[in-house]
Amino acid sequence: MLVLFHQLGMWLMHMMQWPIPGGVAGMVLLFLSLLLFKKPPTVIAAGSGFLLKYLALLFVPAGVGIMLLFDLLANEWLAMLVSMVLSTVISLVVTGLLLQRMVKKTNGSTQS
């Protein structure tokens, strides 16, 4: 089922010629179907349970990349640290401002 949603997303994005990765579209379709059914089918629950069981293995390539690029990280650690901190702060500020705007808009529309 997970592969089916992935392929469906790939096909849909190819047919629509939208610049969205097919895997992302497939996840959105899976999410919408799970909202519709309220409870995941046993096939999806079993497949996702297996994937979650071995989720830690997905971090192995990142760890290997860090080890391989350790010299680069050692030389550029300050620039990377600053960029990570700044991007996190900017994301939090933008998200907070957007949330405040949405709350004000929602409260204003319900009181009218």
Protein backbone atom coordinates (compact mmCIF):
# COMPACT_ATOMS: atom_id res chain seq x y z
CA MET A 1 0.00 0.00 0.00
CA LEU A 2 2.83 2.41 0.83
CA VAL A 3 4.50 1.77 -2.52
CA LEU A 4 1.12 2.13 -4.23
CA PHE A 5 0.61 5.61 -2.75
CA HIS A 6 4.16 6.54 -3.70
CA GLN A 7 3.63 5.45 -7.29
CA LEU A 8 0.24 7.16 -7.41
CA GLY A 9 1.86 10.40 -6.29
CA MET A 10 4.61 10.01 -8.90
CA TRP A 11 2.06 9.38 -11.64
CA LEU A 12 -0.15 12.28 -10.55
CA MET A 13 2.72 14.77 -10.47
CA HIS A 14 3.91 13.54 -13.87
CA MET A 15 0.44 13.89 -15.38
CA MET A 16 -0.20 17.32 -13.83
CA GLN A 17 3.39 18.46 -14.52
CA TRP A 18 3.58 20.07 -11.09
CA PRO A 19 7.00 20.70 -9.54
CA ILE A 20 6.23 18.62 -6.45
CA PRO A 21 8.12 15.39 -5.75
CA GLY A 22 5.96 12.35 -6.31
CA GLY A 23 6.89 10.91 -2.92
CA VAL A 24 5.57 14.03 -1.19
CA ALA A 25 2.35 13.91 -3.20
CA GLY A 26 2.00 10.23 -2.31
CA MET A 27 2.40 11.03 1.39
CA VAL A 28 -0.27 13.72 1.11
CA LEU A 29 -2.61 11.27 -0.61
CA LEU A 30 -1.91 8.67 2.09
CA PHE A 31 -2.54 11.27 4.80
CA LEU A 32 -5.85 12.29 3.21
CA SER A 33 -6.96 8.68 2.90
CA LEU A 34 -6.07 8.04 6.56
CA LEU A 35 -8.14 11.09 7.54
CA LEU A 36 -11.01 9.75 5.49
CA PHE A 37 -10.96 6.25 7.00
CA LYS A 38 -10.16 7.42 10.58
CA LYS A 39 -8.27 4.16 11.26
CA PRO A 40 -5.36 2.80 9.21
CA PRO A 41 -5.97 -0.47 7.38
CA THR A 42 -4.05 -3.42 8.82
CA VAL A 43 -1.82 -3.56 5.74
CA ILE A 44 -0.64 0.03 6.30
CA ALA A 45 -0.34 -0.43 10.06
CA ALA A 46 1.86 -3.52 9.58
CA GLY A 47 4.06 -1.84 6.96
CA SER A 48 4.50 1.35 8.92
CA GLY A 49 5.18 -0.60 12.11
CA PHE A 50 7.99 -2.45 10.36
CA LEU A 51 9.46 0.82 9.05
CA LEU A 52 9.25 2.49 12.46
CA LYS A 53 10.97 -0.49 14.05
CA TYR A 54 14.05 0.12 11.88
CA LEU A 55 13.85 3.92 11.71
CA ALA A 56 17.23 4.33 13.40
CA LEU A 57 18.90 2.71 10.37
CA LEU A 58 17.86 5.72 8.28
CA PHE A 59 20.28 7.87 10.30
CA VAL A 60 23.29 5.69 9.41
CA PRO A 61 23.91 7.43 6.04
CA ALA A 62 23.88 10.84 7.74
CA GLY A 63 26.38 9.63 10.33
CA VAL A 64 28.63 8.19 7.63
CA GLY A 65 28.42 11.49 5.72
CA ILE A 66 29.48 13.40 8.81
CA MET A 67 32.41 11.04 9.32
CA LEU A 68 33.48 11.31 5.68
CA LEU A 69 33.24 15.09 5.66
CA PHE A 70 34.74 15.60 9.10
CA ASP A 71 37.63 17.70 7.76
CA LEU A 72 35.17 20.03 6.04
CA LEU A 73 33.09 20.26 9.19
CA ALA A 74 36.19 20.98 11.25
CA ASN A 75 37.15 23.86 8.94
CA GLU A 76 33.66 25.30 8.42
CA TRP A 77 31.98 24.57 11.75
CA LEU A 78 31.33 28.21 12.61
CA ALA A 79 29.63 29.02 9.32
CA MET A 80 27.51 25.87 9.57
CA LEU A 81 26.57 26.57 13.18
CA VAL A 82 25.59 30.16 12.42
CA SER A 83 23.54 29.14 9.39
CA MET A 84 21.73 26.41 11.35
CA VAL A 85 20.95 28.71 14.28
CA LEU A 86 19.82 31.56 12.01
CA SER A 87 17.63 29.33 9.86
CA THR A 88 16.03 27.84 12.97
CA VAL A 89 15.35 31.27 14.50
CA ILE A 90 13.97 32.64 11.23
CA SER A 91 11.70 29.58 10.84
CA LEU A 92 10.41 29.95 14.40
CA VAL A 93 9.75 33.69 13.98
CA VAL A 94 7.96 33.26 10.66
CA THR A 95 5.90 30.37 12.02
CA GLY A 96 4.97 32.32 15.14
CA LEU A 97 3.96 35.42 13.18
CA LEU A 98 1.93 33.32 10.76
CA LEU A 99 0.20 31.54 13.64
CA GLN A 100 -0.64 34.85 15.33
CA ARG A 101 -2.08 36.20 12.10
CA MET A 102 -4.16 33.06 11.58
CA VAL A 103 -5.46 33.13 15.17
CA LYS A 104 -6.45 36.79 14.85
CA LYS A 105 -8.18 36.09 11.55
CA THR A 106 -9.99 33.06 12.99
CA ASN A 107 -11.08 34.91 16.14
CA GLY A 108 -12.21 37.90 14.09
CA SER A 109 -14.32 35.75 11.77
CA THR A 110 -16.05 33.84 14.61
CA GLN A 111 -16.97 37.00 16.52
CA SER A 112 -18.61 38.68 13.54
